[in-house]
Amino acid sequence: MRPLVIGSRGSRLALWQAEWTRARLEQSGAAARIEIIRTSGDRFLDRPLAAMGGKGVFVKEIEEALLSRAIDLAAHSLKDLPTAQPQGLTIACVPPREDPHDVLVAPRATGLAGLAPGAVVGTGSPRRAIQIRRARPDVRVTDLRGNVDTRLERLRRGGYDAVVLAAAGLRRLGIAFEGAVLDFDQMIPAAGQGAMAIEIRADDGVTAGLLLPHHHQPTASAVTAERALLRGLDGGCQAPIAAVAEVDGARLVLRGLVAGPEGDPFLVERREGPVGEAERIGADMAETFLARGAGAFVRGTRAPLPEAP
């Protein structure tokens, strides 16, 4: 049997995920190699994600390679995946989730409350920007894109007083940081944050079987609820939407947030129910947000954040 080909972006974090996948395939008895694919999101770092179409910019070329059979599977950060796969593709495996929290990396602060008045905080995420501004209206939130190393280097060079990153990426790469993990009351993460998704062709039963032992059902249930909320709102990178679900035995708790482009209105919901009804819980929350008026702004675009000097 020829080695399976894993498609991946070229960043350190993406390659960590691809290597994790390769190692698990070898545990299942299959050889594999990694093929680096450069996506639109990697090529145009000077453009806001919303201007390029949102989530799909990090996966489009990889999914095209899957459909053309140039690769056999792809290891994605699940939060980068649109809520619907192209015809012919499916998510075959959701591994155990890493920490889904966001982290405020700030050498001279231990949290949002510890930031100096007027501090410059870097993030390319409207979701993070809205929640930071709500907690600290006095700080200046400016656009910052690039991989983890790029953003940390911008912080070290002094262009920012703090940056907000996903805890999962820092932990997977073994990067120590000064700052604070933001609890869910301060910062609700993106749907799927901290989770991986391994995507294959829907007719590839052999690869699906190899991945099955590495699928983690509690994580899959949690992200099912989160993505059902996102799908029900028809939202992506263009609107500040956040969702995180926690599974405790047979129960699932979902937190959700939807905000206007400038942070007003700021709508928060919480739902709890049987883990087997994850899809319904997320869809019901989306309906509640829409009934509260979210449909008027979640499908709009946002102006780019001002770039820091």
C-alpha atoms as a PDB file:
ATOM      1  CA  MET A   1       0.000   0.000   0.000  1.00  0.00           C
ATOM      2  CA  ARG A   2       1.437   3.384  -0.999  1.00  0.00           C
ATOM      3  CA  PRO A   3       1.933   5.987   1.740  1.00  0.00           C
ATOM      4  CA  LEU A   4      -1.107   8.158   2.370  1.00  0.00           C
ATOM      5  CA  VAL A   5      -0.586  11.846   1.594  1.00  0.00           C
ATOM      6  CA  ILE A   6      -1.630  14.356   4.255  1.00  0.00           C
ATOM      7  CA  GLY A   7      -2.285  17.889   3.009  1.00  0.00           C
ATOM      8  CA  SER A   8      -1.314  20.707   5.358  1.00  0.00           C
ATOM      9  CA  ARG A   9      -0.584  24.400   5.501  1.00  0.00           C
ATOM     10  CA  GLY A  10       3.061  25.217   6.111  1.00  0.00           C
ATOM     11  CA  SER A  11       2.883  26.958   9.480  1.00  0.00           C
ATOM     12  CA  ARG A  12       4.460  25.347  12.532  1.00  0.00           C
ATOM     13  CA  LEU A  13       1.074  24.719  14.104  1.00  0.00           C
ATOM     14  CA  ALA A  14      -0.406  23.223  10.938  1.00  0.00           C
ATOM     15  CA  LEU A  15       2.604  20.947  10.583  1.00  0.00           C
ATOM     16  CA  TRP A  16       2.284  19.894  14.233  1.00  0.00           C
ATOM     17  CA  GLN A  17      -1.274  18.798  13.452  1.00  0.00           C
ATOM     18  CA  ALA A  18      -0.178  16.992  10.304  1.00  0.00           C
ATOM     19  CA  GLU A  19       2.615  15.208  12.188  1.00  0.00           C
ATOM     20  CA  TRP A  20       0.139  14.205  14.900  1.00  0.00           C
ATOM     21  CA  THR A  21      -2.086  12.730  12.204  1.00  0.00           C
ATOM     22  CA  ARG A  22       0.805  10.939  10.521  1.00  0.00           C
ATOM     23  CA  ALA A  23       1.853   9.355  13.822  1.00  0.00           C
ATOM     24  CA  ARG A  24      -1.691   8.111  14.491  1.00  0.00           C
ATOM     25  CA  LEU A  25      -1.961   6.618  11.027  1.00  0.00           C
ATOM     26  CA  GLU A  26       1.287   4.760  11.660  1.00  0.00           C
ATOM     27  CA  GLN A  27      -0.199   3.459  14.916  1.00  0.00           C
ATOM     28  CA  SER A  28      -3.045   2.099  12.780  1.00  0.00           C
ATOM     29  CA  GLY A  29      -0.534   0.421  10.452  1.00  0.00           C
ATOM     30  CA  ALA A  30      -0.457   2.884   7.542  1.00  0.00           C
ATOM     31  CA  ALA A  31       2.551   4.806   6.226  1.00  0.00           C
ATOM     32  CA  ALA A  32       1.973   8.486   5.463  1.00  0.00           C
ATOM     33  CA  ARG A  33       3.797  11.611   4.308  1.00  0.00           C
ATOM     34  CA  ILE A  34       2.966  15.316   4.464  1.00  0.00           C
ATOM     35  CA  GLU A  35       2.399  17.589   1.460  1.00  0.00           C
ATOM     36  CA  ILE A  36       2.514  21.339   2.172  1.00  0.00           C
ATOM     37  CA  ILE A  37      -0.149  23.370   0.368  1.00  0.00           C
ATOM     38  CA  ARG A  38      -0.173  27.157   0.428  1.00  0.00           C
ATOM     39  CA  THR A  39      -3.658  28.584   0.871  1.00  0.00           C
ATOM     40  CA  SER A  40      -5.130  31.971  -0.018  1.00  0.00           C
ATOM     41  CA  GLY A  41      -5.144  32.893   3.670  1.00  0.00           C
ATOM     42  CA  ASP A  42      -1.383  32.316   3.794  1.00  0.00           C
ATOM     43  CA  ARG A  43      -0.600  34.272   0.627  1.00  0.00           C
ATOM     44  CA  PHE A  44      -2.462  37.502   1.400  1.00  0.00           C
ATOM     45  CA  LEU A  45      -1.571  38.361   4.984  1.00  0.00           C
ATOM     46  CA  ASP A  46      -2.130  42.068   4.347  1.00  0.00           C
ATOM     47  CA  ARG A  47      -5.861  41.609   3.721  1.00  0.00           C
ATOM     48  CA  PRO A  48      -8.582  41.242   6.384  1.00  0.00           C
ATOM     49  CA  LEU A  49     -10.107  37.750   6.376  1.00  0.00           C
ATOM     50  CA  ALA A  50     -13.583  39.179   5.840  1.00  0.00           C
ATOM     51  CA  ALA A  51     -12.416  40.847   2.623  1.00  0.00           C
ATOM     52  CA  MET A  52     -11.227  37.468   1.297  1.00  0.00           C
ATOM     53  CA  GLY A  53     -14.405  35.564   2.121  1.00  0.00           C
ATOM     54  CA  GLY A  54     -13.858  34.396   5.680  1.00  0.00           C
ATOM     55  CA  LYS A  55     -13.124  30.912   6.934  1.00  0.00           C
ATOM     56  CA  GLY A  56     -12.658  29.071   3.637  1.00  0.00           C
ATOM     57  CA  VAL A  57      -9.478  30.941   2.728  1.00  0.00           C
ATOM     58  CA  PHE A  58      -7.412  28.579   4.902  1.00  0.00           C
ATOM     59  CA  VAL A  59      -8.815  25.361   3.437  1.00  0.00           C
ATOM     60  CA  LYS A  60      -9.989  25.961  -0.148  1.00  0.00           C
ATOM     61  CA  GLU A  61      -6.820  24.844  -1.925  1.00  0.00           C
ATOM     62  CA  ILE A  62      -6.395  21.880   0.409  1.00  0.00           C
ATOM     63  CA  GLU A  63      -9.945  20.693  -0.229  1.00  0.00           C
ATOM     64  CA  GLU A  64      -9.390  21.085  -3.967  1.00  0.00           C
ATOM     65  CA  ALA A  65      -6.318  18.839  -3.653  1.00  0.00           C
ATOM     66  CA  LEU A  66      -8.427  16.271  -1.788  1.00  0.00           C
ATOM     67  CA  LEU A  67     -11.116  16.264  -4.458  1.00  0.00           C
ATOM     68  CA  SER A  68      -8.533  15.928  -7.253  1.00  0.00           C
ATOM     69  CA  ARG A  69      -6.894  13.012  -5.364  1.00  0.00           C
ATOM     70  CA  ALA A  70      -3.559  14.826  -5.132  1.00  0.00           C
ATOM     71  CA  ILE A  71      -3.742  14.154  -1.375  1.00  0.00           C
ATOM     72  CA  ASP A  72      -5.657  11.568   0.663  1.00  0.00           C
ATOM     73  CA  LEU A  73      -6.556  13.473   3.811  1.00  0.00           C
ATOM     74  CA  ALA A  74      -6.135  16.867   5.437  1.00  0.00           C
ATOM     75  CA  ALA A  75      -5.464  17.901   9.025  1.00  0.00           C
ATOM     76  CA  HIS A  76      -7.222  21.198   9.789  1.00  0.00           C
ATOM     77  CA  SER A  77      -7.776  23.467  12.743  1.00  0.00           C
ATOM     78  CA  LEU A  78     -11.504  22.871  13.022  1.00  0.00           C
ATOM     79  CA  LYS A  79     -12.275  26.556  13.571  1.00  0.00           C
ATOM     80  CA  ASP A  80     -10.923  27.243  10.053  1.00  0.00           C
ATOM     81  CA  LEU A  81     -13.458  24.915   8.407  1.00  0.00           C
ATOM     82  CA  PRO A  82     -16.730  26.261   7.015  1.00  0.00           C
ATOM     83  CA  THR A  83     -19.750  24.565   8.556  1.00  0.00           C
ATOM     84  CA  ALA A  84     -20.495  22.636   5.349  1.00  0.00           C
ATOM     85  CA  GLN A  85     -18.009  20.484   3.441  1.00  0.00           C
ATOM     86  CA  PRO A  86     -17.843  20.476  -0.357  1.00  0.00           C
ATOM     87  CA  GLN A  87     -19.744  17.608  -1.948  1.00  0.00           C
ATOM     88  CA  GLY A  88     -17.585  14.486  -1.817  1.00  0.00           C
ATOM     89  CA  LEU A  89     -15.690  15.401   1.378  1.00  0.00           C
ATOM     90  CA  THR A  90     -16.381  14.579   5.015  1.00  0.00           C
ATOM     91  CA  ILE A  91     -14.840  14.989   8.473  1.00  0.00           C
ATOM     92  CA  ALA A  92     -13.764  11.453   9.393  1.00  0.00           C
ATOM     93  CA  CYS A  93     -12.078  12.126  12.720  1.00  0.00           C
ATOM     94  CA  VAL A  94     -12.207  14.745  15.480  1.00  0.00           C
ATOM     95  CA  PRO A  95      -9.340  14.019  17.912  1.00  0.00           C
ATOM     96  CA  PRO A  96      -9.347  15.003  21.597  1.00  0.00           C
ATOM     97  CA  ARG A  97      -9.528  18.760  22.032  1.00  0.00           C
ATOM     98  CA  GLU A  98      -6.718  20.898  23.395  1.00  0.00           C
ATOM     99  CA  ASP A  99      -7.508  23.829  25.723  1.00  0.00           C
ATOM    100  CA  PRO A 100     -10.133  25.981  23.908  1.00  0.00           C
ATOM    101  CA  HIS A 101      -9.472  29.170  25.903  1.00  0.00           C
ATOM    102  CA  ASP A 102      -7.950  32.376  24.571  1.00  0.00           C
ATOM    103  CA  VAL A 103      -4.776  33.767  26.121  1.00  0.00           C
ATOM    104  CA  LEU A 104      -3.782  37.390  26.660  1.00  0.00           C
ATOM    105  CA  VAL A 105      -0.023  37.433  26.038  1.00  0.00           C
ATOM    106  CA  ALA A 106       1.186  40.571  27.804  1.00  0.00           C
ATOM    107  CA  PRO A 107       4.618  40.850  29.427  1.00  0.00           C
ATOM    108  CA  ARG A 108       3.490  43.569  31.836  1.00  0.00           C
ATOM    109  CA  ALA A 109      -0.073  42.466  32.622  1.00  0.00           C
ATOM    110  CA  THR A 110      -1.725  39.472  34.241  1.00  0.00           C
ATOM    111  CA  GLY A 111      -5.064  39.883  32.494  1.00  0.00           C
ATOM    112  CA  LEU A 112      -7.347  42.376  30.780  1.00  0.00           C
ATOM    113  CA  ALA A 113      -7.813  44.319  34.011  1.00  0.00           C
ATOM    114  CA  GLY A 114      -4.046  44.709  34.331  1.00  0.00           C
ATOM    115  CA  LEU A 115      -3.536  46.422  30.963  1.00  0.00           C
ATOM    116  CA  ALA A 116      -2.437  50.033  31.163  1.00  0.00           C
ATOM    117  CA  PRO A 117      -4.972  52.673  30.045  1.00  0.00           C
ATOM    118  CA  GLY A 118      -4.762  53.095  26.272  1.00  0.00           C
ATOM    119  CA  ALA A 119      -2.774  49.868  25.788  1.00  0.00           C
ATOM    120  CA  VAL A 120      -2.509  48.561  22.205  1.00  0.00           C
ATOM    121  CA  VAL A 121      -3.847  45.003  21.830  1.00  0.00           C
ATOM    122  CA  GLY A 122      -3.319  43.076  18.603  1.00  0.00           C
ATOM    123  CA  THR A 123      -5.820  40.634  17.115  1.00  0.00           C
ATOM    124  CA  GLY A 124      -7.206  39.909  13.672  1.00  0.00           C
ATOM    125  CA  SER A 125     -10.427  38.491  15.132  1.00  0.00           C
ATOM    126  CA  PRO A 126     -13.576  40.641  15.358  1.00  0.00           C
ATOM    127  CA  ARG A 127     -14.854  38.190  17.994  1.00  0.00           C
ATOM    128  CA  ARG A 128     -11.868  38.878  20.239  1.00  0.00           C
ATOM    129  CA  ALA A 129     -11.860  42.596  19.489  1.00  0.00           C
ATOM    130  CA  ILE A 130     -15.491  43.058  20.541  1.00  0.00           C
ATOM    131  CA  GLN A 131     -15.016  41.195  23.830  1.00  0.00           C
ATOM    132  CA  ILE A 132     -11.797  43.072  24.646  1.00  0.00           C
ATOM    133  CA  ARG A 133     -13.449  46.434  24.003  1.00  0.00           C
ATOM    134  CA  ARG A 134     -16.438  45.495  26.136  1.00  0.00           C
ATOM    135  CA  ALA A 135     -14.178  44.620  29.068  1.00  0.00           C
ATOM    136  CA  ARG A 136     -11.759  47.510  28.488  1.00  0.00           C
ATOM    137  CA  PRO A 137     -13.283  50.309  26.374  1.00  0.00           C
ATOM    138  CA  ASP A 138     -10.165  52.408  26.939  1.00  0.00           C
ATOM    139  CA  VAL A 139      -7.698  50.114  25.145  1.00  0.00           C
ATOM    140  CA  ARG A 140      -6.874  50.332  21.450  1.00  0.00           C
ATOM    141  CA  VAL A 141      -7.505  47.123  19.502  1.00  0.00           C
ATOM    142  CA  THR A 142      -5.641  46.942  16.190  1.00  0.00           C
ATOM    143  CA  ASP A 143      -5.469  44.398  13.387  1.00  0.00           C
ATOM    144  CA  LEU A 144      -2.802  41.713  13.609  1.00  0.00           C
ATOM    145  CA  ARG A 145      -2.573  38.668  11.355  1.00  0.00           C
ATOM    146  CA  GLY A 146      -0.019  35.955  10.715  1.00  0.00           C
ATOM    147  CA  ASN A 147       0.984  32.705  12.370  1.00  0.00           C
ATOM    148  CA  VAL A 148       1.733  32.370  16.087  1.00  0.00           C
ATOM    149  CA  ASP A 149       5.451  33.106  15.680  1.00  0.00           C
ATOM    150  CA  THR A 150       4.787  36.193  13.553  1.00  0.00           C
ATOM    151  CA  ARG A 151       2.367  37.679  16.065  1.00  0.00           C
ATOM    152  CA  LEU A 152       4.643  37.000  19.022  1.00  0.00           C
ATOM    153  CA  GLU A 153       7.541  38.614  17.164  1.00  0.00           C
ATOM    154  CA  ARG A 154       5.419  41.733  16.528  1.00  0.00           C
ATOM    155  CA  LEU A 155       4.748  41.842  20.278  1.00  0.00           C
ATOM    156  CA  ARG A 156       8.453  41.479  21.089  1.00  0.00           C
ATOM    157  CA  ARG A 157       9.339  44.306  18.705  1.00  0.00           C
ATOM    158  CA  GLY A 158       7.140  46.666  20.715  1.00  0.00           C
ATOM    159  CA  GLY A 159       4.320  47.431  18.277  1.00  0.00           C
ATOM    160  CA  TYR A 160       1.782  46.079  20.756  1.00  0.00           C
ATOM    161  CA  ASP A 161       1.355  45.939  24.520  1.00  0.00           C
ATOM    162  CA  ALA A 162      -0.479  42.607  24.280  1.00  0.00           C
ATOM    163  CA  VAL A 163      -1.764  40.088  21.750  1.00  0.00           C
ATOM    164  CA  VAL A 164      -4.558  37.543  22.072  1.00  0.00           C
ATOM    165  CA  LEU A 165      -3.869  33.989  20.894  1.00  0.00           C
ATOM    166  CA  ALA A 166      -5.465  30.577  21.243  1.00  0.00           C
ATOM    167  CA  ALA A 167      -4.135  28.597  24.192  1.00  0.00           C
ATOM    168  CA  ALA A 168      -4.227  25.446  22.059  1.00  0.00           C
ATOM    169  CA  GLY A 169      -1.629  26.698  19.602  1.00  0.00           C
ATOM    170  CA  LEU A 170       0.736  27.843  22.321  1.00  0.00           C
ATOM    171  CA  ARG A 171       0.436  24.545  24.186  1.00  0.00           C
ATOM    172  CA  ARG A 172       0.863  22.373  21.096  1.00  0.00           C
ATOM    173  CA  LEU A 173       3.991  24.270  20.108  1.00  0.00           C
ATOM    174  CA  GLY A 174       5.350  24.269  23.650  1.00  0.00           C
ATOM    175  CA  ILE A 175       5.570  28.073  23.783  1.00  0.00           C
ATOM    176  CA  ALA A 176       5.843  29.596  27.251  1.00  0.00           C
ATOM    177  CA  PHE A 177       4.210  33.001  27.650  1.00  0.00           C
ATOM    178  CA  GLU A 178       3.680  35.825  30.113  1.00  0.00           C
ATOM    179  CA  GLY A 179       0.088  36.834  30.574  1.00  0.00           C
ATOM    180  CA  ALA A 180      -3.179  35.150  31.464  1.00  0.00           C
ATOM    181  CA  VAL A 181      -5.628  32.514  30.255  1.00  0.00           C
ATOM    182  CA  LEU A 182      -8.979  34.256  29.777  1.00  0.00           C
ATOM    183  CA  ASP A 183     -11.908  32.387  31.298  1.00  0.00           C
ATOM    184  CA  PHE A 184     -15.140  31.962  29.366  1.00  0.00           C
ATOM    185  CA  ASP A 185     -16.819  34.774  31.325  1.00  0.00           C
ATOM    186  CA  GLN A 186     -14.192  37.151  29.877  1.00  0.00           C
ATOM    187  CA  MET A 187     -13.703  35.666  26.404  1.00  0.00           C
ATOM    188  CA  ILE A 188     -15.880  33.075  24.679  1.00  0.00           C
ATOM    189  CA  PRO A 189     -13.733  31.363  22.031  1.00  0.00           C
ATOM    190  CA  ALA A 190     -14.418  30.695  18.374  1.00  0.00           C
ATOM    191  CA  ALA A 191     -16.537  27.688  17.444  1.00  0.00           C
ATOM    192  CA  GLY A 192     -14.191  24.716  17.176  1.00  0.00           C
ATOM    193  CA  GLN A 193     -11.225  26.452  18.804  1.00  0.00           C
ATOM    194  CA  GLY A 194      -8.665  23.980  20.138  1.00  0.00           C
ATOM    195  CA  ALA A 195     -10.107  21.110  18.099  1.00  0.00           C
ATOM    196  CA  MET A 196      -8.741  19.416  15.004  1.00  0.00           C
ATOM    197  CA  ALA A 197     -10.672  17.962  12.070  1.00  0.00           C
ATOM    198  CA  ILE A 198      -9.285  15.307   9.743  1.00  0.00           C
ATOM    199  CA  GLU A 199     -11.030  15.556   6.396  1.00  0.00           C
ATOM    200  CA  ILE A 200     -11.139  12.820   3.744  1.00  0.00           C
ATOM    201  CA  ARG A 201     -13.070  11.936   0.615  1.00  0.00           C
ATOM    202  CA  ALA A 202     -16.489  10.610   1.569  1.00  0.00           C
ATOM    203  CA  ASP A 203     -15.988   7.405  -0.424  1.00  0.00           C
ATOM    204  CA  ASP A 204     -12.654   6.520   1.212  1.00  0.00           C
ATOM    205  CA  GLY A 205     -13.708   3.836   3.654  1.00  0.00           C
ATOM    206  CA  VAL A 206     -10.171   2.528   4.131  1.00  0.00           C
ATOM    207  CA  THR A 207      -8.789   5.821   5.469  1.00  0.00           C
ATOM    208  CA  ALA A 208     -11.936   6.319   7.549  1.00  0.00           C
ATOM    209  CA  GLY A 209     -11.292   2.976   9.203  1.00  0.00           C
ATOM    210  CA  LEU A 210      -7.692   3.873   9.979  1.00  0.00           C
ATOM    211  CA  LEU A 211      -8.783   7.110  11.656  1.00  0.00           C
ATOM    212  CA  LEU A 212     -11.703   5.696  13.643  1.00  0.00           C
ATOM    213  CA  PRO A 213      -9.654   4.656  16.726  1.00  0.00           C
ATOM    214  CA  HIS A 214      -8.467   8.258  17.119  1.00  0.00           C
ATOM    215  CA  HIS A 215     -11.920   9.878  17.019  1.00  0.00           C
ATOM    216  CA  HIS A 216     -12.995  11.476  20.335  1.00  0.00           C
ATOM    217  CA  GLN A 217     -16.767  11.528  20.682  1.00  0.00           C
ATOM    218  CA  PRO A 218     -17.033  14.089  23.549  1.00  0.00           C
ATOM    219  CA  THR A 219     -15.042  16.597  21.475  1.00  0.00           C
ATOM    220  CA  ALA A 220     -17.096  15.768  18.388  1.00  0.00           C
ATOM    221  CA  SER A 221     -20.329  16.387  20.327  1.00  0.00           C
ATOM    222  CA  ALA A 222     -19.070  19.708  21.675  1.00  0.00           C
ATOM    223  CA  VAL A 223     -18.033  21.048  18.286  1.00  0.00           C
ATOM    224  CA  THR A 224     -21.256  19.742  16.719  1.00  0.00           C
ATOM    225  CA  ALA A 225     -23.220  22.072  19.012  1.00  0.00           C
ATOM    226  CA  GLU A 226     -20.871  24.995  18.343  1.00  0.00           C
ATOM    227  CA  ARG A 227     -20.977  24.547  14.575  1.00  0.00           C
ATOM    228  CA  ALA A 228     -24.763  24.084  14.584  1.00  0.00           C
ATOM    229  CA  LEU A 229     -25.025  27.528  16.191  1.00  0.00           C
ATOM    230  CA  LEU A 230     -22.679  29.006  13.589  1.00  0.00           C
ATOM    231  CA  ARG A 231     -24.560  27.307  10.745  1.00  0.00           C
ATOM    232  CA  GLY A 232     -27.921  28.500  12.034  1.00  0.00           C
ATOM    233  CA  LEU A 233     -26.669  32.082  12.056  1.00  0.00           C
ATOM    234  CA  ASP A 234     -25.034  31.692   8.643  1.00  0.00           C
ATOM    235  CA  GLY A 235     -22.023  33.399  10.181  1.00  0.00           C
ATOM    236  CA  GLY A 236     -18.269  33.168   9.793  1.00  0.00           C
ATOM    237  CA  CYS A 237     -15.335  35.532  10.102  1.00  0.00           C
ATOM    238  CA  GLN A 238     -17.407  38.528   9.015  1.00  0.00           C
ATOM    239  CA  ALA A 239     -19.373  38.843  12.269  1.00  0.00           C
ATOM    240  CA  PRO A 240     -18.366  38.570  15.934  1.00  0.00           C
ATOM    241  CA  ILE A 241     -19.775  35.134  16.813  1.00  0.00           C
ATOM    242  CA  ALA A 242     -18.417  32.925  19.594  1.00  0.00           C
ATOM    243  CA  ALA A 243     -19.394  29.500  20.882  1.00  0.00           C
ATOM    244  CA  VAL A 244     -17.974  26.924  23.253  1.00  0.00           C
ATOM    245  CA  ALA A 245     -19.540  23.705  24.527  1.00  0.00           C
ATOM    246  CA  GLU A 246     -18.431  21.615  27.480  1.00  0.00           C
ATOM    247  CA  VAL A 247     -19.360  17.959  27.876  1.00  0.00           C
ATOM    248  CA  ASP A 248     -19.721  16.421  31.331  1.00  0.00           C
ATOM    249  CA  GLY A 249     -20.808  12.824  31.047  1.00  0.00           C
ATOM    250  CA  ALA A 250     -24.228  12.771  29.414  1.00  0.00           C
ATOM    251  CA  ARG A 251     -24.767  16.563  29.636  1.00  0.00           C
ATOM    252  CA  LEU A 252     -23.636  19.326  27.323  1.00  0.00           C
ATOM    253  CA  VAL A 253     -23.477  23.047  28.169  1.00  0.00           C
ATOM    254  CA  LEU A 254     -23.216  25.543  25.305  1.00  0.00           C
ATOM    255  CA  ARG A 255     -22.295  29.217  25.654  1.00  0.00           C
ATOM    256  CA  GLY A 256     -22.826  31.534  22.708  1.00  0.00           C
ATOM    257  CA  LEU A 257     -22.209  35.158  21.811  1.00  0.00           C
ATOM    258  CA  VAL A 258     -23.303  37.312  18.887  1.00  0.00           C
ATOM    259  CA  ALA A 259     -22.507  41.003  18.585  1.00  0.00           C
ATOM    260  CA  GLY A 260     -22.971  43.828  16.153  1.00  0.00           C
ATOM    261  CA  PRO A 261     -19.948  44.940  14.105  1.00  0.00           C
ATOM    262  CA  GLU A 262     -19.141  47.655  16.659  1.00  0.00           C
ATOM    263  CA  GLY A 263     -20.110  45.567  19.690  1.00  0.00           C
ATOM    264  CA  ASP A 264     -23.706  46.751  20.035  1.00  0.00           C
ATOM    265  CA  PRO A 265     -25.938  44.851  20.481  1.00  0.00           C
ATOM    266  CA  PHE A 266     -24.011  42.311  22.548  1.00  0.00           C
ATOM    267  CA  LEU A 267     -26.069  39.120  22.921  1.00  0.00           C
ATOM    268  CA  VAL A 268     -25.127  36.158  25.137  1.00  0.00           C
ATOM    269  CA  GLU A 269     -26.970  32.862  25.580  1.00  0.00           C
ATOM    270  CA  ARG A 270     -26.442  29.615  27.521  1.00  0.00           C
ATOM    271  CA  ARG A 271     -28.097  26.235  26.893  1.00  0.00           C
ATOM    272  CA  GLU A 272     -27.826  22.827  28.554  1.00  0.00           C
ATOM    273  CA  GLY A 273     -29.135  19.448  27.435  1.00  0.00           C
ATOM    274  CA  PRO A 274     -28.368  15.816  26.659  1.00  0.00           C
ATOM    275  CA  VAL A 275     -25.099  15.333  24.812  1.00  0.00           C
ATOM    276  CA  GLY A 276     -26.937  13.291  22.190  1.00  0.00           C
ATOM    277  CA  GLU A 277     -28.891  16.411  21.220  1.00  0.00           C
ATOM    278  CA  ALA A 278     -25.838  18.571  20.499  1.00  0.00           C
ATOM    279  CA  GLU A 279     -27.041  19.555  17.032  1.00  0.00           C
ATOM    280  CA  ARG A 280     -30.458  20.601  18.328  1.00  0.00           C
ATOM    281  CA  ILE A 281     -28.975  22.607  21.213  1.00  0.00           C
ATOM    282  CA  GLY A 282     -26.827  24.636  18.822  1.00  0.00           C
ATOM    283  CA  ALA A 283     -29.648  25.123  16.321  1.00  0.00           C
ATOM    284  CA  ASP A 284     -32.067  26.222  19.069  1.00  0.00           C
ATOM    285  CA  MET A 285     -29.582  28.799  20.311  1.00  0.00           C
ATOM    286  CA  ALA A 286     -29.195  30.165  16.782  1.00  0.00           C
ATOM    287  CA  GLU A 287     -32.985  30.553  16.548  1.00  0.00           C
ATOM    288  CA  THR A 288     -33.003  32.418  19.855  1.00  0.00           C
ATOM    289  CA  PHE A 289     -30.311  34.811  18.658  1.00  0.00           C
ATOM    290  CA  LEU A 290     -32.219  35.416  15.430  1.00  0.00           C
ATOM    291  CA  ALA A 291     -35.412  36.084  17.410  1.00  0.00           C
ATOM    292  CA  ARG A 292     -33.434  38.667  19.400  1.00  0.00           C
ATOM    293  CA  GLY A 293     -32.546  40.478  16.175  1.00  0.00           C
ATOM    294  CA  ALA A 294     -29.155  38.977  15.337  1.00  0.00           C
ATOM    295  CA  GLY A 295     -30.124  38.400  11.713  1.00  0.00           C
ATOM    296  CA  ALA A 296     -29.897  42.144  11.072  1.00  0.00           C
ATOM    297  CA  PHE A 297     -26.143  42.233  11.610  1.00  0.00           C
ATOM    298  CA  VAL A 298     -24.485  38.784  11.602  1.00  0.00           C
ATOM    299  CA  ARG A 299     -24.379  38.596   7.819  1.00  0.00           C
ATOM    300  CA  GLY A 300     -22.853  42.046   7.394  1.00  0.00           C
ATOM    301  CA  THR A 301     -19.209  42.777   6.753  1.00  0.00           C
ATOM    302  CA  ARG A 302     -16.879  44.671   9.008  1.00  0.00           C
ATOM    303  CA  ALA A 303     -14.434  47.469   8.370  1.00  0.00           C
ATOM    304  CA  PRO A 304     -10.834  46.412   9.000  1.00  0.00           C
ATOM    305  CA  LEU A 305      -9.345  47.334  12.349  1.00  0.00           C
ATOM    306  CA  PRO A 306      -6.791  50.165  12.170  1.00  0.00           C
ATOM    307  CA  GLU A 307      -3.217  48.923  11.841  1.00  0.00           C
ATOM    308  CA  ALA A 308      -0.897  49.733  14.711  1.00  0.00           C
ATOM    309  CA  PRO A 309       2.077  51.940  13.900  1.00  0.00           C
END
